Amino acid sequence: MTMMTTLTALAAQVHPGPGPGPWHEGGAADAPAWWPVFPITFGLFWVAVAIGVFYLVRRRITANAAAAAAASDPMTRARSVLAERFARGEIDEEEYQARLSALRYGT
């Protein structure tokens, strides 16, 4: 016998071929029960990514809409200017409160 034939015969004795399993003669009953974990985890990961993207986009759209609404409201702009003048020290607290109440109640 040649050396290659001897090695092949020894290898066949050590490992006779494919054993039972889901892709051989064992069938699906021998498949490990934990195999669905990987596709489920992969799917849940992408669902979480999609929810995160949706949340961030929705949050940005809502913030932009709120900013646009505040910018178009003249009362909000007037309160903002009044607060800036008070912060810079152009008016004192008493005048700030008086003007703020005038804005609130329209007097």
N, C-alpha and C. Protein backbone atom coordinates (compact mmCIF):
# COMPACT_ATOMS: atom_id res chain seq x y z
N MET A 1 0.82 -1.17 0.00
CA MET A 1 0.00 0.00 0.00
C MET A 1 0.87 1.25 0.00
N THR A 2 0.35 2.22 -0.66
CA THR A 2 1.10 3.47 -0.68
C THR A 2 0.78 4.27 0.55
N MET A 3 1.54 5.29 0.73
CA MET A 3 1.38 6.11 1.92
C MET A 3 0.04 6.86 1.90
N MET A 4 -0.38 7.33 0.73
CA MET A 4 -1.63 8.06 0.63
C MET A 4 -2.82 7.15 0.94
N THR A 5 -2.80 5.95 0.48
CA THR A 5 -3.87 5.00 0.76
C THR A 5 -3.92 4.69 2.24
N THR A 6 -2.79 4.56 2.87
CA THR A 6 -2.73 4.28 4.30
C THR A 6 -3.31 5.45 5.09
N LEU A 7 -2.95 6.68 4.72
CA LEU A 7 -3.47 7.84 5.43
C LEU A 7 -4.97 7.98 5.24
N THR A 8 -5.47 7.71 4.04
CA THR A 8 -6.89 7.78 3.78
C THR A 8 -7.65 6.73 4.59
N ALA A 9 -7.11 5.54 4.67
CA ALA A 9 -7.76 4.47 5.44
C ALA A 9 -7.78 4.82 6.92
N LEU A 10 -6.68 5.38 7.43
CA LEU A 10 -6.64 5.77 8.84
C LEU A 10 -7.60 6.92 9.13
N ALA A 11 -7.70 7.87 8.21
CA ALA A 11 -8.60 8.99 8.40
C ALA A 11 -10.05 8.52 8.39
N ALA A 12 -10.37 7.55 7.55
CA ALA A 12 -11.73 7.01 7.49
C ALA A 12 -12.08 6.28 8.78
N GLN A 13 -11.08 5.67 9.42
CA GLN A 13 -11.34 4.98 10.68
C GLN A 13 -11.56 5.99 11.83
N VAL A 14 -10.77 7.07 11.80
CA VAL A 14 -10.88 8.06 12.86
C VAL A 14 -12.18 8.86 12.72
N HIS A 15 -12.49 9.31 11.50
CA HIS A 15 -13.70 10.08 11.25
C HIS A 15 -14.40 9.47 10.04
N PRO A 16 -15.38 8.63 10.26
CA PRO A 16 -15.98 7.88 9.17
C PRO A 16 -16.81 8.72 8.19
N GLY A 17 -17.07 9.96 8.44
CA GLY A 17 -17.86 10.78 7.52
C GLY A 17 -18.83 11.65 8.28
N PRO A 18 -19.69 12.30 7.55
CA PRO A 18 -20.63 13.18 8.23
C PRO A 18 -21.55 12.39 9.14
N GLY A 19 -21.68 12.91 10.34
CA GLY A 19 -22.53 12.24 11.32
C GLY A 19 -23.95 12.75 11.25
N PRO A 20 -24.76 12.37 12.19
CA PRO A 20 -26.14 12.81 12.18
C PRO A 20 -26.22 14.33 12.42
N GLY A 21 -27.15 14.92 11.78
CA GLY A 21 -27.33 16.36 11.91
C GLY A 21 -28.47 16.80 11.01
N PRO A 22 -28.86 18.06 11.06
CA PRO A 22 -30.00 18.51 10.29
C PRO A 22 -29.77 18.46 8.78
N TRP A 23 -28.51 18.43 8.33
CA TRP A 23 -28.23 18.42 6.90
C TRP A 23 -27.79 17.05 6.41
N HIS A 24 -27.81 16.09 7.28
CA HIS A 24 -27.41 14.73 6.91
C HIS A 24 -28.56 13.78 7.24
N GLU A 25 -28.26 12.60 7.63
CA GLU A 25 -29.33 11.64 7.85
C GLU A 25 -30.04 11.81 9.19
N GLY A 26 -29.57 12.70 10.06
CA GLY A 26 -30.19 12.85 11.38
C GLY A 26 -31.53 13.55 11.34
N GLY A 27 -31.73 14.47 10.41
CA GLY A 27 -32.99 15.19 10.32
C GLY A 27 -33.03 16.39 11.24
N ALA A 28 -34.12 17.14 11.17
CA ALA A 28 -34.25 18.37 11.94
C ALA A 28 -34.47 18.11 13.42
N ALA A 29 -34.84 16.92 13.79
CA ALA A 29 -35.08 16.61 15.20
C ALA A 29 -33.78 16.69 16.00
N ASP A 30 -32.64 16.51 15.33
CA ASP A 30 -31.36 16.56 16.02
C ASP A 30 -30.76 17.97 16.02
N ALA A 31 -31.44 18.92 15.43
CA ALA A 31 -30.92 20.29 15.36
C ALA A 31 -30.93 20.90 16.76
N PRO A 32 -29.94 21.74 17.05
CA PRO A 32 -29.93 22.37 18.37
C PRO A 32 -31.13 23.30 18.53
N ALA A 33 -31.65 23.38 19.72
CA ALA A 33 -32.86 24.17 19.97
C ALA A 33 -32.57 25.66 20.07
N TRP A 34 -31.32 26.06 20.17
CA TRP A 34 -30.99 27.47 20.35
C TRP A 34 -30.71 28.20 19.04
N TRP A 35 -30.82 27.55 17.91
CA TRP A 35 -30.48 28.21 16.65
C TRP A 35 -31.36 29.42 16.32
N PRO A 36 -32.65 29.51 16.74
CA PRO A 36 -33.44 30.71 16.41
C PRO A 36 -32.97 31.97 17.13
N VAL A 37 -32.12 31.84 18.14
CA VAL A 37 -31.65 33.01 18.89
C VAL A 37 -30.95 34.00 17.97
N PHE A 38 -30.15 33.52 17.05
CA PHE A 38 -29.37 34.43 16.19
C PHE A 38 -30.24 35.23 15.23
N PRO A 39 -31.14 34.63 14.46
CA PRO A 39 -31.96 35.47 13.59
C PRO A 39 -32.92 36.39 14.36
N ILE A 40 -33.42 35.92 15.49
CA ILE A 40 -34.31 36.76 16.29
C ILE A 40 -33.55 37.96 16.84
N THR A 41 -32.34 37.73 17.34
CA THR A 41 -31.51 38.82 17.85
C THR A 41 -31.16 39.79 16.74
N PHE A 42 -30.81 39.27 15.59
CA PHE A 42 -30.48 40.13 14.45
C PHE A 42 -31.68 40.98 14.06
N GLY A 43 -32.86 40.38 14.01
CA GLY A 43 -34.07 41.12 13.67
C GLY A 43 -34.41 42.17 14.72
N LEU A 44 -34.29 41.82 15.99
CA LEU A 44 -34.58 42.78 17.05
C LEU A 44 -33.60 43.95 17.04
N PHE A 45 -32.36 43.68 16.68
CA PHE A 45 -31.37 44.76 16.56
C PHE A 45 -31.82 45.77 15.51
N TRP A 46 -32.25 45.29 14.35
CA TRP A 46 -32.66 46.22 13.29
C TRP A 46 -33.98 46.91 13.61
N VAL A 47 -34.85 46.24 14.34
CA VAL A 47 -36.08 46.90 14.79
C VAL A 47 -35.73 48.04 15.75
N ALA A 48 -34.79 47.80 16.66
CA ALA A 48 -34.37 48.84 17.60
C ALA A 48 -33.72 50.01 16.86
N VAL A 49 -32.91 49.72 15.85
CA VAL A 49 -32.30 50.80 15.05
C VAL A 49 -33.38 51.62 14.35
N ALA A 50 -34.36 50.95 13.76
CA ALA A 50 -35.44 51.66 13.05
C ALA A 50 -36.25 52.51 14.02
N ILE A 51 -36.55 52.01 15.19
CA ILE A 51 -37.30 52.79 16.19
C ILE A 51 -36.49 54.00 16.64
N GLY A 52 -35.19 53.81 16.83
CA GLY A 52 -34.33 54.92 17.23
C GLY A 52 -34.27 56.01 16.18
N VAL A 53 -34.14 55.62 14.92
CA VAL A 53 -34.11 56.60 13.83
C VAL A 53 -35.46 57.32 13.74
N PHE A 54 -36.54 56.58 13.84
CA PHE A 54 -37.87 57.19 13.80
C PHE A 54 -38.04 58.20 14.93
N TYR A 55 -37.61 57.83 16.14
CA TYR A 55 -37.73 58.72 17.29
C TYR A 55 -36.92 60.00 17.09
N LEU A 56 -35.68 59.86 16.62
CA LEU A 56 -34.84 61.04 16.43
C LEU A 56 -35.38 61.96 15.34
N VAL A 57 -35.86 61.39 14.25
CA VAL A 57 -36.42 62.21 13.17
C VAL A 57 -37.68 62.92 13.65
N ARG A 58 -38.53 62.21 14.35
CA ARG A 58 -39.77 62.80 14.86
C ARG A 58 -39.47 63.91 15.85
N ARG A 59 -38.48 63.69 16.70
CA ARG A 59 -38.10 64.70 17.69
C ARG A 59 -37.58 65.96 17.00
N ARG A 60 -36.77 65.79 15.97
CA ARG A 60 -36.23 66.95 15.26
C ARG A 60 -37.35 67.71 14.54
N ILE A 61 -38.27 66.99 13.91
CA ILE A 61 -39.38 67.64 13.21
C ILE A 61 -40.25 68.41 14.20
N THR A 62 -40.53 67.80 15.36
CA THR A 62 -41.35 68.45 16.38
C THR A 62 -40.65 69.70 16.92
N ALA A 63 -39.35 69.61 17.15
CA ALA A 63 -38.60 70.76 17.65
C ALA A 63 -38.59 71.90 16.63
N ASN A 64 -38.41 71.56 15.36
CA ASN A 64 -38.41 72.58 14.32
C ASN A 64 -39.78 73.24 14.20
N ALA A 65 -40.84 72.45 14.31
CA ALA A 65 -42.19 73.00 14.22
C ALA A 65 -42.48 73.90 15.41
N ALA A 66 -42.03 73.52 16.60
CA ALA A 66 -42.24 74.33 17.79
C ALA A 66 -41.47 75.65 17.69
N ALA A 67 -40.25 75.57 17.18
CA ALA A 67 -39.45 76.79 17.02
C ALA A 67 -40.08 77.73 15.99
N ALA A 68 -40.60 77.17 14.92
CA ALA A 68 -41.25 77.99 13.90
C ALA A 68 -42.52 78.64 14.45
N ALA A 69 -43.28 77.90 15.24
CA ALA A 69 -44.49 78.45 15.83
C ALA A 69 -44.16 79.56 16.82
N ALA A 70 -43.10 79.36 17.61
CA ALA A 70 -42.71 80.38 18.58
C ALA A 70 -42.19 81.63 17.88
N ALA A 71 -41.49 81.45 16.78
CA ALA A 71 -40.95 82.60 16.05
C ALA A 71 -42.07 83.39 15.39
N SER A 72 -43.14 82.74 15.01
CA SER A 72 -44.23 83.45 14.34
C SER A 72 -45.20 84.10 15.33
N ASP A 73 -45.12 83.76 16.62
CA ASP A 73 -46.01 84.33 17.63
C ASP A 73 -45.42 85.65 18.13
N PRO A 74 -46.11 86.78 17.91
CA PRO A 74 -45.55 88.07 18.32
C PRO A 74 -45.44 88.23 19.84
N MET A 75 -46.33 87.58 20.61
CA MET A 75 -46.27 87.68 22.07
C MET A 75 -45.02 86.98 22.61
N THR A 76 -44.69 85.86 22.02
CA THR A 76 -43.49 85.15 22.44
C THR A 76 -42.26 85.98 22.14
N ARG A 77 -42.24 86.57 20.99
CA ARG A 77 -41.10 87.43 20.60
C ARG A 77 -41.01 88.64 21.54
N ALA A 78 -42.14 89.24 21.90
CA ALA A 78 -42.13 90.40 22.80
C ALA A 78 -41.60 90.01 24.18
N ARG A 79 -42.02 88.86 24.69
CA ARG A 79 -41.51 88.39 25.99
C ARG A 79 -40.01 88.13 25.92
N SER A 80 -39.57 87.61 24.80
CA SER A 80 -38.14 87.32 24.64
C SER A 80 -37.32 88.61 24.64
N VAL A 81 -37.80 89.62 23.92
CA VAL A 81 -37.09 90.91 23.89
C VAL A 81 -37.09 91.54 25.27
N LEU A 82 -38.20 91.46 25.98
CA LEU A 82 -38.28 92.01 27.32
C LEU A 82 -37.30 91.31 28.26
N ALA A 83 -37.22 89.98 28.17
CA ALA A 83 -36.29 89.23 29.00
C ALA A 83 -34.85 89.58 28.67
N GLU A 84 -34.54 89.78 27.40
CA GLU A 84 -33.18 90.17 27.00
C GLU A 84 -32.83 91.55 27.56
N ARG A 85 -33.75 92.48 27.50
CA ARG A 85 -33.49 93.82 28.03
C ARG A 85 -33.27 93.77 29.55
N PHE A 86 -34.06 92.95 30.24
CA PHE A 86 -33.88 92.79 31.68
C PHE A 86 -32.53 92.16 31.99
N ALA A 87 -32.14 91.16 31.21
CA ALA A 87 -30.86 90.48 31.43
C ALA A 87 -29.68 91.42 31.18
N ARG A 88 -29.80 92.32 30.24
CA ARG A 88 -28.72 93.27 29.94
C ARG A 88 -28.67 94.42 30.95
N GLY A 89 -29.70 94.58 31.76
CA GLY A 89 -29.73 95.64 32.76
C GLY A 89 -30.32 96.94 32.26
N GLU A 90 -30.97 96.92 31.12
CA GLU A 90 -31.58 98.13 30.57
C GLU A 90 -32.81 98.55 31.36
N ILE A 91 -33.50 97.55 31.96
CA ILE A 91 -34.68 97.85 32.78
C ILE A 91 -34.52 97.14 34.10
N ASP A 92 -35.12 97.68 35.15
CA ASP A 92 -35.03 97.04 36.47
C ASP A 92 -36.17 96.02 36.62
N GLU A 93 -36.16 95.34 37.77
CA GLU A 93 -37.13 94.25 37.98
C GLU A 93 -38.56 94.77 38.04
N GLU A 94 -38.73 95.92 38.65
CA GLU A 94 -40.09 96.47 38.77
C GLU A 94 -40.67 96.79 37.39
N GLU A 95 -39.86 97.40 36.52
CA GLU A 95 -40.33 97.72 35.17
C GLU A 95 -40.55 96.44 34.36
N TYR A 96 -39.66 95.46 34.58
CA TYR A 96 -39.81 94.17 33.88
C TYR A 96 -41.14 93.51 34.25
N GLN A 97 -41.45 93.46 35.55
CA GLN A 97 -42.70 92.83 36.01
C GLN A 97 -43.92 93.59 35.49
N ALA A 98 -43.82 94.89 35.48
CA ALA A 98 -44.96 95.70 35.00
C ALA A 98 -45.20 95.46 33.51
N ARG A 99 -44.13 95.44 32.74
CA ARG A 99 -44.30 95.23 31.30
C ARG A 99 -44.73 93.79 31.00
N LEU A 100 -44.23 92.87 31.78
CA LEU A 100 -44.62 91.46 31.58
C LEU A 100 -46.10 91.25 31.89
N SER A 101 -46.58 91.88 32.95
CA SER A 101 -48.02 91.75 33.26
C SER A 101 -48.86 92.47 32.20
N ALA A 102 -48.34 93.55 31.66
CA ALA A 102 -49.06 94.24 30.58
C ALA A 102 -49.14 93.34 29.34
N LEU A 103 -48.09 92.62 29.08
CA LEU A 103 -48.12 91.67 27.95
C LEU A 103 -49.10 90.54 28.21
N ARG A 104 -49.11 90.05 29.46
CA ARG A 104 -49.97 88.93 29.80
C ARG A 104 -51.45 89.30 29.72
N TYR A 105 -51.78 90.43 30.29
CA TYR A 105 -53.18 90.79 30.41
C TYR A 105 -53.65 91.81 29.38
N GLY A 106 -52.72 92.29 28.57
CA GLY A 106 -53.09 93.16 27.47
C GLY A 106 -53.54 94.54 27.89
N THR A 107 -53.02 95.03 29.02
CA THR A 107 -53.42 96.37 29.47
C THR A 107 -52.38 97.38 29.16
